[in-house]
All heavy atoms as atom14 arrays in JSON, in Angstrom:
{
  "sequence": "PEQDYTMIDVGAGTGGGMMKKPMAEAPTQWLPYVMVESVKKTIEKAR",
  "atom14_mask": [
    [1, 1, 1, 1, 1, 1, 1, 0, 0, 0, 0, 0, 0, 0],
    [1, 1, 1, 1, 1, 1, 1, 1, 1, 0, 0, 0, 0, 0],
    [1, 1, 1, 1, 1, 1, 1, 1, 1, 0, 0, 0, 0, 0],
    [1, 1, 1, 1, 1, 1, 1, 1, 0, 0, 0, 0, 0, 0],
    [1, 1, 1, 1, 1, 1, 1, 1, 1, 1, 1, 1, 0, 0],
    [1, 1, 1, 1, 1, 1, 1, 0, 0, 0, 0, 0, 0, 0],
    [1, 1, 1, 1, 1, 1, 1, 1, 0, 0, 0, 0, 0, 0],
    [1, 1, 1, 1, 1, 1, 1, 1, 0, 0, 0, 0, 0, 0],
    [1, 1, 1, 1, 1, 1, 1, 1, 0, 0, 0, 0, 0, 0],
    [1, 1, 1, 1, 1, 1, 1, 0, 0, 0, 0, 0, 0, 0],
    [1, 1, 1, 1, 0, 0, 0, 0, 0, 0, 0, 0, 0, 0],
    [1, 1, 1, 1, 1, 0, 0, 0, 0, 0, 0, 0, 0, 0],
    [1, 1, 1, 1, 0, 0, 0, 0, 0, 0, 0, 0, 0, 0],
    [1, 1, 1, 1, 1, 1, 1, 0, 0, 0, 0, 0, 0, 0],
    [1, 1, 1, 1, 0, 0, 0, 0, 0, 0, 0, 0, 0, 0],
    [1, 1, 1, 1, 0, 0, 0, 0, 0, 0, 0, 0, 0, 0],
    [1, 1, 1, 1, 0, 0, 0, 0, 0, 0, 0, 0, 0, 0],
    [1, 1, 1, 1, 1, 1, 1, 1, 0, 0, 0, 0, 0, 0],
    [1, 1, 1, 1, 1, 1, 1, 1, 0, 0, 0, 0, 0, 0],
    [1, 1, 1, 1, 1, 1, 1, 1, 1, 0, 0, 0, 0, 0],
    [1, 1, 1, 1, 1, 1, 1, 1, 1, 0, 0, 0, 0, 0],
    [1, 1, 1, 1, 1, 1, 1, 0, 0, 0, 0, 0, 0, 0],
    [1, 1, 1, 1, 1, 1, 1, 1, 0, 0, 0, 0, 0, 0],
    [1, 1, 1, 1, 1, 0, 0, 0, 0, 0, 0, 0, 0, 0],
    [1, 1, 1, 1, 1, 1, 1, 1, 1, 0, 0, 0, 0, 0],
    [1, 1, 1, 1, 1, 0, 0, 0, 0, 0, 0, 0, 0, 0],
    [1, 1, 1, 1, 1, 1, 1, 0, 0, 0, 0, 0, 0, 0],
    [1, 1, 1, 1, 1, 1, 1, 0, 0, 0, 0, 0, 0, 0],
    [1, 1, 1, 1, 1, 1, 1, 1, 1, 0, 0, 0, 0, 0],
    [1, 1, 1, 1, 1, 1, 1, 1, 1, 1, 1, 1, 1, 1],
    [1, 1, 1, 1, 1, 1, 1, 1, 0, 0, 0, 0, 0, 0],
    [1, 1, 1, 1, 1, 1, 1, 0, 0, 0, 0, 0, 0, 0],
    [1, 1, 1, 1, 1, 1, 1, 1, 1, 1, 1, 1, 0, 0],
    [1, 1, 1, 1, 1, 1, 1, 0, 0, 0, 0, 0, 0, 0],
    [1, 1, 1, 1, 1, 1, 1, 1, 0, 0, 0, 0, 0, 0],
    [1, 1, 1, 1, 1, 1, 1, 0, 0, 0, 0, 0, 0, 0],
    [1, 1, 1, 1, 1, 1, 1, 1, 1, 0, 0, 0, 0, 0],
    [1, 1, 1, 1, 1, 1, 0, 0, 0, 0, 0, 0, 0, 0],
    [1, 1, 1, 1, 1, 1, 1, 0, 0, 0, 0, 0, 0, 0],
    [1, 1, 1, 1, 1, 1, 1, 1, 1, 0, 0, 0, 0, 0],
    [1, 1, 1, 1, 1, 1, 1, 1, 1, 0, 0, 0, 0, 0],
    [1, 1, 1, 1, 1, 1, 1, 0, 0, 0, 0, 0, 0, 0],
    [1, 1, 1, 1, 1, 1, 1, 1, 0, 0, 0, 0, 0, 0],
    [1, 1, 1, 1, 1, 1, 1, 1, 1, 0, 0, 0, 0, 0],
    [1, 1, 1, 1, 1, 1, 1, 1, 1, 0, 0, 0, 0, 0],
    [1, 1, 1, 1, 1, 0, 0, 0, 0, 0, 0, 0, 0, 0],
    [1, 1, 1, 1, 1, 1, 1, 1, 1, 1, 1, 0, 0, 0]
  ],
  "atom14_positions": [
    [[-72.49, 65.44, -151.78], [-71.29, 66.1, -152.3], [-71.29, 67.62, -152.14], [-70.23, 68.22, -151.94], [-71.26, 65.71, -153.78], [-72.51, 64.98, -154.05], [-73.21, 64.72, -152.78], [0.0, 0.0, 0.0], [0.0, 0.0, 0.0], [0.0, 0.0, 0.0], [0.0, 0.0, 0.0], [0.0, 0.0, 0.0], [0.0, 0.0, 0.0], [0.0, 0.0, 0.0]],
    [[-72.47, 68.24, -152.18], [-72.52, 69.7, -152.03], [-72.06, 70.15, -150.65], [-71.66, 71.29, -150.46], [-73.94, 70.23, -152.33], [-75.02, 69.81, -151.35], [-75.56, 68.39, -151.52], [-75.19, 67.69, -152.48], [-76.37, 67.96, -150.69], [0.0, 0.0, 0.0], [0.0, 0.0, 0.0], [0.0, 0.0, 0.0], [0.0, 0.0, 0.0], [0.0, 0.0, 0.0]],
    [[-72.09, 69.24, -149.68], [-71.63, 69.56, -148.33], [-70.39, 68.76, -147.94], [-69.95, 68.82, -146.8], [-72.75, 69.3, -147.31], [-73.93, 70.2, -147.52], [-75.04, 69.94, -146.52], [-74.98, 69.03, -145.71], [-76.08, 70.74, -146.59], [0.0, 0.0, 0.0], [0.0, 0.0, 0.0], [0.0, 0.0, 0.0], [0.0, 0.0, 0.0], [0.0, 0.0, 0.0]],
    [[-69.84, 67.98, -148.87], [-68.68, 67.13, -148.59], [-68.94, 66.3, -147.34], [-68.15, 66.31, -146.39], [-67.42, 67.98, -148.46], [-66.16, 67.15, -148.68], [-66.27, 66.07, -149.32], [-65.07, 67.55, -148.22], [0.0, 0.0, 0.0], [0.0, 0.0, 0.0], [0.0, 0.0, 0.0], [0.0, 0.0, 0.0], [0.0, 0.0, 0.0], [0.0, 0.0, 0.0]],
    [[-70.08, 65.6, -147.35], [-70.58, 64.89, -146.18], [-71.19, 63.57, -146.63], [-71.72, 63.47, -147.74], [-71.64, 65.75, -145.49], [-71.95, 65.35, -144.07], [-71.12, 65.74, -143.03], [-73.08, 64.62, -143.77], [-71.4, 65.39, -141.73], [-73.37, 64.26, -142.47], [-72.53, 64.65, -141.45], [-72.81, 64.3, -140.16], [0.0, 0.0, 0.0], [0.0, 0.0, 0.0]],
    [[-71.15, 62.57, -145.78], [-71.78, 61.28, -146.05], [-72.75, 60.96, -144.94], [-72.36, 60.95, -143.77], [-70.71, 60.16, -146.13], [-69.79, 60.47, -147.17], [-71.36, 58.81, -146.41], [0.0, 0.0, 0.0], [0.0, 0.0, 0.0], [0.0, 0.0, 0.0], [0.0, 0.0, 0.0], [0.0, 0.0, 0.0], [0.0, 0.0, 0.0], [0.0, 0.0, 0.0]],
    [[-74.0, 60.73, -145.28], [-75.0, 60.35, -144.29], [-74.89, 58.85, -144.04], [-74.59, 58.08, -144.94], [-76.41, 60.67, -144.78], [-76.71, 62.15, -144.89], [-76.61, 63.05, -143.32], [-77.97, 62.34, -142.42], [0.0, 0.0, 0.0], [0.0, 0.0, 0.0], [0.0, 0.0, 0.0], [0.0, 0.0, 0.0], [0.0, 0.0, 0.0], [0.0, 0.0, 0.0]],
    [[-75.14, 58.45, -142.79], [-75.11, 57.04, -142.41], [-76.51, 56.64, -141.99], [-77.06, 57.2, -141.04], [-74.15, 56.78, -141.24], [-72.74, 57.27, -141.57], [-74.14, 55.29, -140.88], [-71.8, 57.27, -140.36], [0.0, 0.0, 0.0], [0.0, 0.0, 0.0], [0.0, 0.0, 0.0], [0.0, 0.0, 0.0], [0.0, 0.0, 0.0], [0.0, 0.0, 0.0]],
    [[-77.08, 55.66, -142.69], [-78.39, 55.11, -142.34], [-78.12, 53.8, -141.62], [-77.65, 52.84, -142.21], [-79.21, 54.88, -143.61], [-80.57, 54.26, -143.34], [-80.89, 53.92, -142.19], [-81.31, 54.08, -144.33], [0.0, 0.0, 0.0], [0.0, 0.0, 0.0], [0.0, 0.0, 0.0], [0.0, 0.0, 0.0], [0.0, 0.0, 0.0], [0.0, 0.0, 0.0]],
    [[-78.44, 53.77, -140.33], [-78.16, 52.58, -139.52], [-79.36, 51.65, -139.44], [-79.31, 50.64, -138.76], [-77.68, 52.97, -138.1], [-76.39, 53.76, -138.17], [-78.75, 53.73, -137.35], [0.0, 0.0, 0.0], [0.0, 0.0, 0.0], [0.0, 0.0, 0.0], [0.0, 0.0, 0.0], [0.0, 0.0, 0.0], [0.0, 0.0, 0.0], [0.0, 0.0, 0.0]],
    [[-80.45, 52.02, -140.11], [-81.65, 51.18, -140.1], [-82.62, 51.62, -139.03], [-83.63, 52.21, -139.31], [0.0, 0.0, 0.0], [0.0, 0.0, 0.0], [0.0, 0.0, 0.0], [0.0, 0.0, 0.0], [0.0, 0.0, 0.0], [0.0, 0.0, 0.0], [0.0, 0.0, 0.0], [0.0, 0.0, 0.0], [0.0, 0.0, 0.0], [0.0, 0.0, 0.0]],
    [[-82.31, 51.36, -137.78], [-83.16, 51.76, -136.66], [-82.31, 52.51, -135.64], [-81.13, 52.23, -135.5], [-83.8, 50.54, -136.01], [0.0, 0.0, 0.0], [0.0, 0.0, 0.0], [0.0, 0.0, 0.0], [0.0, 0.0, 0.0], [0.0, 0.0, 0.0], [0.0, 0.0, 0.0], [0.0, 0.0, 0.0], [0.0, 0.0, 0.0], [0.0, 0.0, 0.0]],
    [[-82.91, 53.43, -134.95], [-82.16, 54.18, -133.95], [-81.56, 55.44, -134.53], [-81.93, 55.91, -135.6], [0.0, 0.0, 0.0], [0.0, 0.0, 0.0], [0.0, 0.0, 0.0], [0.0, 0.0, 0.0], [0.0, 0.0, 0.0], [0.0, 0.0, 0.0], [0.0, 0.0, 0.0], [0.0, 0.0, 0.0], [0.0, 0.0, 0.0], [0.0, 0.0, 0.0]],
    [[-80.59, 55.98, -133.84], [-79.97, 57.24, -134.22], [-78.95, 57.02, -135.32], [-78.02, 56.24, -135.17], [-79.27, 57.88, -132.99], [-80.25, 58.07, -131.97], [-78.64, 59.2, -133.34], [0.0, 0.0, 0.0], [0.0, 0.0, 0.0], [0.0, 0.0, 0.0], [0.0, 0.0, 0.0], [0.0, 0.0, 0.0], [0.0, 0.0, 0.0], [0.0, 0.0, 0.0]],
    [[-79.15, 57.71, -136.42], [-78.22, 57.63, -137.54], [-77.09, 58.63, -137.38], [-76.9, 59.21, -136.31], [0.0, 0.0, 0.0], [0.0, 0.0, 0.0], [0.0, 0.0, 0.0], [0.0, 0.0, 0.0], [0.0, 0.0, 0.0], [0.0, 0.0, 0.0], [0.0, 0.0, 0.0], [0.0, 0.0, 0.0], [0.0, 0.0, 0.0], [0.0, 0.0, 0.0]],
    [[-76.36, 58.84, -138.43], [-75.25, 59.76, -138.31], [-74.67, 60.17, -139.64], [-75.32, 60.12, -140.67], [0.0, 0.0, 0.0], [0.0, 0.0, 0.0], [0.0, 0.0, 0.0], [0.0, 0.0, 0.0], [0.0, 0.0, 0.0], [0.0, 0.0, 0.0], [0.0, 0.0, 0.0], [0.0, 0.0, 0.0], [0.0, 0.0, 0.0], [0.0, 0.0, 0.0]],
    [[-73.42, 60.54, -139.57], [-72.73, 60.99, -140.76], [-71.24, 60.89, -140.57], [-70.75, 60.6, -139.47], [0.0, 0.0, 0.0], [0.0, 0.0, 0.0], [0.0, 0.0, 0.0], [0.0, 0.0, 0.0], [0.0, 0.0, 0.0], [0.0, 0.0, 0.0], [0.0, 0.0, 0.0], [0.0, 0.0, 0.0], [0.0, 0.0, 0.0], [0.0, 0.0, 0.0]],
    [[-70.52, 61.1, -141.66], [-69.06, 61.15, -141.56], [-68.54, 62.2, -142.52], [-69.15, 62.49, -143.54], [-68.41, 59.78, -141.77], [-68.67, 59.1, -143.07], [-67.75, 57.52, -143.25], [-68.46, 56.49, -142.01], [0.0, 0.0, 0.0], [0.0, 0.0, 0.0], [0.0, 0.0, 0.0], [0.0, 0.0, 0.0], [0.0, 0.0, 0.0], [0.0, 0.0, 0.0]],
    [[-67.43, 62.78, -142.11], [-66.82, 63.83, -142.92], [-65.33, 63.9, -142.64], [-64.84, 63.37, -141.64], [-67.46, 65.18, -142.59], [-67.3, 65.61, -141.14], [-68.19, 67.12, -140.74], [-66.95, 68.33, -141.11], [0.0, 0.0, 0.0], [0.0, 0.0, 0.0], [0.0, 0.0, 0.0], [0.0, 0.0, 0.0], [0.0, 0.0, 0.0], [0.0, 0.0, 0.0]],
    [[-64.62, 64.55, -143.56], [-63.2, 64.77, -143.35], [-63.06, 65.75, -142.2], [-63.86, 66.68, -142.05], [-62.57, 65.35, -144.62], [-61.08, 65.45, -144.56], [-60.5, 65.42, -145.96], [-59.0, 65.54, -145.96], [-58.31, 64.38, -145.44], [0.0, 0.0, 0.0], [0.0, 0.0, 0.0], [0.0, 0.0, 0.0], [0.0, 0.0, 0.0], [0.0, 0.0, 0.0]],
    [[-62.08, 65.54, -141.35], [-61.87, 66.41, -140.2], [-61.77, 67.87, -140.66], [-61.07, 68.16, -141.64], [-60.59, 66.04, -139.46], [-60.63, 64.69, -138.81], [-59.43, 64.42, -137.93], [-58.12, 64.62, -138.63], [-56.97, 64.14, -137.89], [0.0, 0.0, 0.0], [0.0, 0.0, 0.0], [0.0, 0.0, 0.0], [0.0, 0.0, 0.0], [0.0, 0.0, 0.0]],
    [[-62.43, 68.78, -139.96], [-62.39, 70.18, -140.37], [-61.03, 70.83, -140.14], [-60.69, 71.8, -140.79], [-63.47, 70.84, -139.52], [-63.73, 69.91, -138.4], [-63.33, 68.54, -138.86], [0.0, 0.0, 0.0], [0.0, 0.0, 0.0], [0.0, 0.0, 0.0], [0.0, 0.0, 0.0], [0.0, 0.0, 0.0], [0.0, 0.0, 0.0], [0.0, 0.0, 0.0]],
    [[-60.24, 70.28, -139.2], [-58.9, 70.82, -138.91], [-57.93, 69.64, -138.84], [-58.24, 68.64, -138.17], [-58.88, 71.56, -137.58], [-59.82, 72.77, -137.55], [-59.95, 73.51, -135.91], [-60.91, 72.28, -135.05], [0.0, 0.0, 0.0], [0.0, 0.0, 0.0], [0.0, 0.0, 0.0], [0.0, 0.0, 0.0], [0.0, 0.0, 0.0], [0.0, 0.0, 0.0]],
    [[-56.81, 69.75, -139.49], [-55.84, 68.64, -139.53], [-55.41, 68.19, -138.14], [-55.2, 67.0, -137.9], [-54.63, 69.05, -140.35], [0.0, 0.0, 0.0], [0.0, 0.0, 0.0], [0.0, 0.0, 0.0], [0.0, 0.0, 0.0], [0.0, 0.0, 0.0], [0.0, 0.0, 0.0], [0.0, 0.0, 0.0], [0.0, 0.0, 0.0], [0.0, 0.0, 0.0]],
    [[-55.3, 69.14, -137.19], [-54.83, 68.79, -135.85], [-55.93, 68.17, -134.98], [-55.65, 67.66, -133.89], [-54.23, 70.01, -135.14], [-55.21, 71.12, -134.84], [-55.48, 72.09, -135.99], [-55.0, 71.88, -137.12], [-56.19, 73.07, -135.75], [0.0, 0.0, 0.0], [0.0, 0.0, 0.0], [0.0, 0.0, 0.0], [0.0, 0.0, 0.0], [0.0, 0.0, 0.0]],
    [[-57.17, 68.19, -135.46], [-58.28, 67.6, -134.68], [-58.13, 66.08, -134.67], [-57.65, 65.48, -135.64], [-59.62, 67.98, -135.3], [0.0, 0.0, 0.0], [0.0, 0.0, 0.0], [0.0, 0.0, 0.0], [0.0, 0.0, 0.0], [0.0, 0.0, 0.0], [0.0, 0.0, 0.0], [0.0, 0.0, 0.0], [0.0, 0.0, 0.0], [0.0, 0.0, 0.0]],
    [[-58.55, 65.45, -133.59], [-58.44, 63.98, -133.54], [-59.5, 63.31, -134.4], [-60.55, 63.89, -134.67], [-58.68, 63.66, -132.06], [-59.53, 64.79, -131.57], [-59.09, 66.0, -132.35], [0.0, 0.0, 0.0], [0.0, 0.0, 0.0], [0.0, 0.0, 0.0], [0.0, 0.0, 0.0], [0.0, 0.0, 0.0], [0.0, 0.0, 0.0], [0.0, 0.0, 0.0]],
    [[-59.2, 62.11, -134.86], [-60.22, 61.3, -135.5], [-61.11, 60.8, -134.37], [-60.61, 60.22, -133.39], [-59.59, 60.12, -136.26], [-58.82, 60.65, -137.34], [-60.64, 59.17, -136.8], [0.0, 0.0, 0.0], [0.0, 0.0, 0.0], [0.0, 0.0, 0.0], [0.0, 0.0, 0.0], [0.0, 0.0, 0.0], [0.0, 0.0, 0.0], [0.0, 0.0, 0.0]],
    [[-62.41, 61.06, -134.49], [-63.31, 60.71, -133.39], [-64.76, 60.71, -133.81], [-65.14, 61.32, -134.79], [-63.13, 61.69, -132.23], [-63.6, 63.09, -132.58], [-63.37, 64.08, -131.45], [-62.87, 63.73, -130.39], [-63.73, 65.33, -131.68], [0.0, 0.0, 0.0], [0.0, 0.0, 0.0], [0.0, 0.0, 0.0], [0.0, 0.0, 0.0], [0.0, 0.0, 0.0]],
    [[-65.55, 59.99, -133.01], [-67.0, 60.04, -133.12], [-67.49, 61.16, -132.21], [-67.0, 61.31, -131.09], [-67.62, 58.72, -132.67], [-67.47, 57.64, -133.7], [-66.51, 56.68, -133.73], [-68.31, 57.41, -134.82], [-66.71, 55.86, -134.82], [-67.81, 56.3, -135.5], [-69.44, 58.06, -135.33], [-68.39, 55.81, -136.67], [-70.03, 57.56, -136.49], [-69.5, 56.45, -137.13]],
    [[-68.45, 61.95, -132.69], [-69.01, 63.04, -131.9], [-70.53, 62.91, -131.87], [-71.17, 62.99, -132.91], [-68.62, 64.39, -132.5], [-69.14, 65.64, -131.78], [-68.51, 65.77, -130.4], [-68.87, 66.88, -132.61], [0.0, 0.0, 0.0], [0.0, 0.0, 0.0], [0.0, 0.0, 0.0], [0.0, 0.0, 0.0], [0.0, 0.0, 0.0], [0.0, 0.0, 0.0]],
    [[-71.1, 62.68, -130.68], [-72.57, 62.61, -130.59], [-73.18, 64.01, -130.51], [-72.56, 64.94, -129.99], [-72.79, 61.86, -129.28], [-71.61, 62.21, -128.45], [-70.46, 62.39, -129.41], [0.0, 0.0, 0.0], [0.0, 0.0, 0.0], [0.0, 0.0, 0.0], [0.0, 0.0, 0.0], [0.0, 0.0, 0.0], [0.0, 0.0, 0.0], [0.0, 0.0, 0.0]],
    [[-74.39, 64.14, -131.06], [-75.15, 65.39, -130.98], [-76.43, 65.13, -130.19], [-77.11, 64.13, -130.41], [-75.53, 65.9, -132.37], [-74.37, 66.49, -133.12], [-73.48, 65.69, -133.82], [-74.15, 67.87, -133.13], [-72.41, 66.22, -134.51], [-73.07, 68.42, -133.82], [-72.21, 67.59, -134.5], [-71.15, 68.13, -135.18], [0.0, 0.0, 0.0], [0.0, 0.0, 0.0]],
    [[-76.76, 66.05, -129.29], [-77.95, 65.95, -128.46], [-78.98, 66.96, -128.97], [-78.64, 68.1, -129.29], [-77.58, 66.26, -126.98], [-78.82, 66.28, -126.11], [-76.58, 65.24, -126.48], [0.0, 0.0, 0.0], [0.0, 0.0, 0.0], [0.0, 0.0, 0.0], [0.0, 0.0, 0.0], [0.0, 0.0, 0.0], [0.0, 0.0, 0.0], [0.0, 0.0, 0.0]],
    [[-80.25, 66.53, -129.04], [-81.33, 67.4, -129.49], [-81.63, 68.45, -128.41], [-81.8, 68.1, -127.24], [-82.59, 66.55, -129.73], [-83.79, 67.34, -130.21], [-83.68, 67.82, -131.93], [-83.9, 66.23, -132.73], [0.0, 0.0, 0.0], [0.0, 0.0, 0.0], [0.0, 0.0, 0.0], [0.0, 0.0, 0.0], [0.0, 0.0, 0.0], [0.0, 0.0, 0.0]],
    [[-81.7, 69.72, -128.82], [-82.03, 70.82, -127.91], [-83.04, 71.75, -128.58], [-83.18, 71.76, -129.8], [-80.78, 71.61, -127.48], [-79.8, 70.73, -126.7], [-80.08, 72.26, -128.67], [0.0, 0.0, 0.0], [0.0, 0.0, 0.0], [0.0, 0.0, 0.0], [0.0, 0.0, 0.0], [0.0, 0.0, 0.0], [0.0, 0.0, 0.0], [0.0, 0.0, 0.0]],
    [[-83.71, 72.56, -127.77], [-84.65, 73.53, -128.33], [-83.91, 74.72, -128.92], [-84.35, 75.29, -129.91], [-85.63, 74.0, -127.26], [-86.66, 72.94, -126.9], [-87.7, 73.45, -125.93], [-88.06, 74.65, -125.98], [-88.16, 72.64, -125.12], [0.0, 0.0, 0.0], [0.0, 0.0, 0.0], [0.0, 0.0, 0.0], [0.0, 0.0, 0.0], [0.0, 0.0, 0.0]],
    [[-82.78, 75.11, -128.31], [-82.02, 76.27, -128.77], [-80.53, 76.02, -128.61], [-80.04, 75.86, -127.49], [-82.43, 77.52, -127.97], [-81.52, 78.58, -128.23], [0.0, 0.0, 0.0], [0.0, 0.0, 0.0], [0.0, 0.0, 0.0], [0.0, 0.0, 0.0], [0.0, 0.0, 0.0], [0.0, 0.0, 0.0], [0.0, 0.0, 0.0], [0.0, 0.0, 0.0]],
    [[-79.82, 76.01, -129.73], [-78.36, 75.84, -129.68], [-77.74, 76.99, -128.9], [-76.91, 76.78, -128.01], [-77.75, 75.75, -131.1], [-76.24, 75.93, -131.07], [-78.11, 74.42, -131.74], [0.0, 0.0, 0.0], [0.0, 0.0, 0.0], [0.0, 0.0, 0.0], [0.0, 0.0, 0.0], [0.0, 0.0, 0.0], [0.0, 0.0, 0.0], [0.0, 0.0, 0.0]],
    [[-78.14, 78.2, -129.2], [-77.53, 79.38, -128.56], [-77.7, 79.34, -127.04], [-76.76, 79.59, -126.3], [-78.11, 80.66, -129.15], [-77.65, 80.9, -130.58], [-78.29, 82.14, -131.18], [-77.84, 82.33, -132.62], [-78.5, 83.47, -133.26], [0.0, 0.0, 0.0], [0.0, 0.0, 0.0], [0.0, 0.0, 0.0], [0.0, 0.0, 0.0], [0.0, 0.0, 0.0]],
    [[-78.92, 79.03, -126.57], [-79.16, 78.99, -125.12], [-78.38, 77.85, -124.46], [-77.83, 78.0, -123.38], [-80.65, 78.83, -124.83], [-81.45, 80.09, -125.12], [-82.93, 79.88, -124.84], [-83.74, 81.11, -125.19], [-85.18, 80.89, -124.99], [0.0, 0.0, 0.0], [0.0, 0.0, 0.0], [0.0, 0.0, 0.0], [0.0, 0.0, 0.0], [0.0, 0.0, 0.0]],
    [[-78.35, 76.69, -125.12], [-77.63, 75.53, -124.56], [-76.14, 75.78, -124.51], [-75.48, 75.44, -123.5], [-77.96, 74.26, -125.36], [-79.38, 74.08, -125.4], [-77.31, 73.03, -124.74], [0.0, 0.0, 0.0], [0.0, 0.0, 0.0], [0.0, 0.0, 0.0], [0.0, 0.0, 0.0], [0.0, 0.0, 0.0], [0.0, 0.0, 0.0], [0.0, 0.0, 0.0]],
    [[-75.58, 76.36, -125.55], [-74.15, 76.66, -125.58], [-73.81, 77.64, -124.46], [-72.79, 77.5, -123.77], [-73.72, 77.21, -126.96], [-73.76, 76.1, -128.02], [-72.36, 77.89, -126.91], [-72.72, 75.02, -127.88], [0.0, 0.0, 0.0], [0.0, 0.0, 0.0], [0.0, 0.0, 0.0], [0.0, 0.0, 0.0], [0.0, 0.0, 0.0], [0.0, 0.0, 0.0]],
    [[-74.66, 78.62, -124.24], [-74.42, 79.59, -123.16], [-74.48, 78.91, -121.8], [-73.65, 79.19, -120.92], [-75.41, 80.75, -123.25], [-75.15, 81.85, -122.24], [-73.74, 82.46, -122.28], [-73.05, 82.39, -123.33], [-73.3, 82.99, -121.25], [0.0, 0.0, 0.0], [0.0, 0.0, 0.0], [0.0, 0.0, 0.0], [0.0, 0.0, 0.0], [0.0, 0.0, 0.0]],
    [[-75.45, 78.02, -121.59], [-75.52, 77.28, -120.33], [-74.27, 76.43, -120.13], [-73.71, 76.37, -119.03], [-76.76, 76.36, -120.33], [-78.06, 77.08, -120.06], [-79.28, 76.22, -120.26], [-79.35, 74.97, -119.47], [-80.61, 74.21, -119.66], [0.0, 0.0, 0.0], [0.0, 0.0, 0.0], [0.0, 0.0, 0.0], [0.0, 0.0, 0.0], [0.0, 0.0, 0.0]],
    [[-73.8, 75.78, -121.2], [-72.6, 74.94, -121.11], [-71.38, 75.81, -120.78], [-70.54, 75.43, -119.95], [-72.39, 74.18, -122.41], [0.0, 0.0, 0.0], [0.0, 0.0, 0.0], [0.0, 0.0, 0.0], [0.0, 0.0, 0.0], [0.0, 0.0, 0.0], [0.0, 0.0, 0.0], [0.0, 0.0, 0.0], [0.0, 0.0, 0.0], [0.0, 0.0, 0.0]],
    [[-71.26, 76.98, -121.43], [-70.12, 77.87, -121.17], [-70.11, 78.29, -119.71], [-69.09, 78.24, -119.04], [-70.18, 79.11, -122.08], [-68.94, 80.0, -121.97], [-69.1, 81.33, -122.67], [-70.17, 82.14, -122.1], [-70.12, 82.77, -120.92], [-69.05, 82.66, -120.16], [-71.14, 83.5, -120.49], [0.0, 0.0, 0.0], [0.0, 0.0, 0.0], [0.0, 0.0, 0.0]]
  ]
}
């Protein structure tokens, strides 16, 4: 509740979470996250 977030325990494998969309115009969707050593460096490479 302190983060307005719900964790999902799937038992085995990659778990997840769910939350209210941060922006009303954003689509309802699943978003995967990939493990990286540095968010800043990876975001810059992606840009």
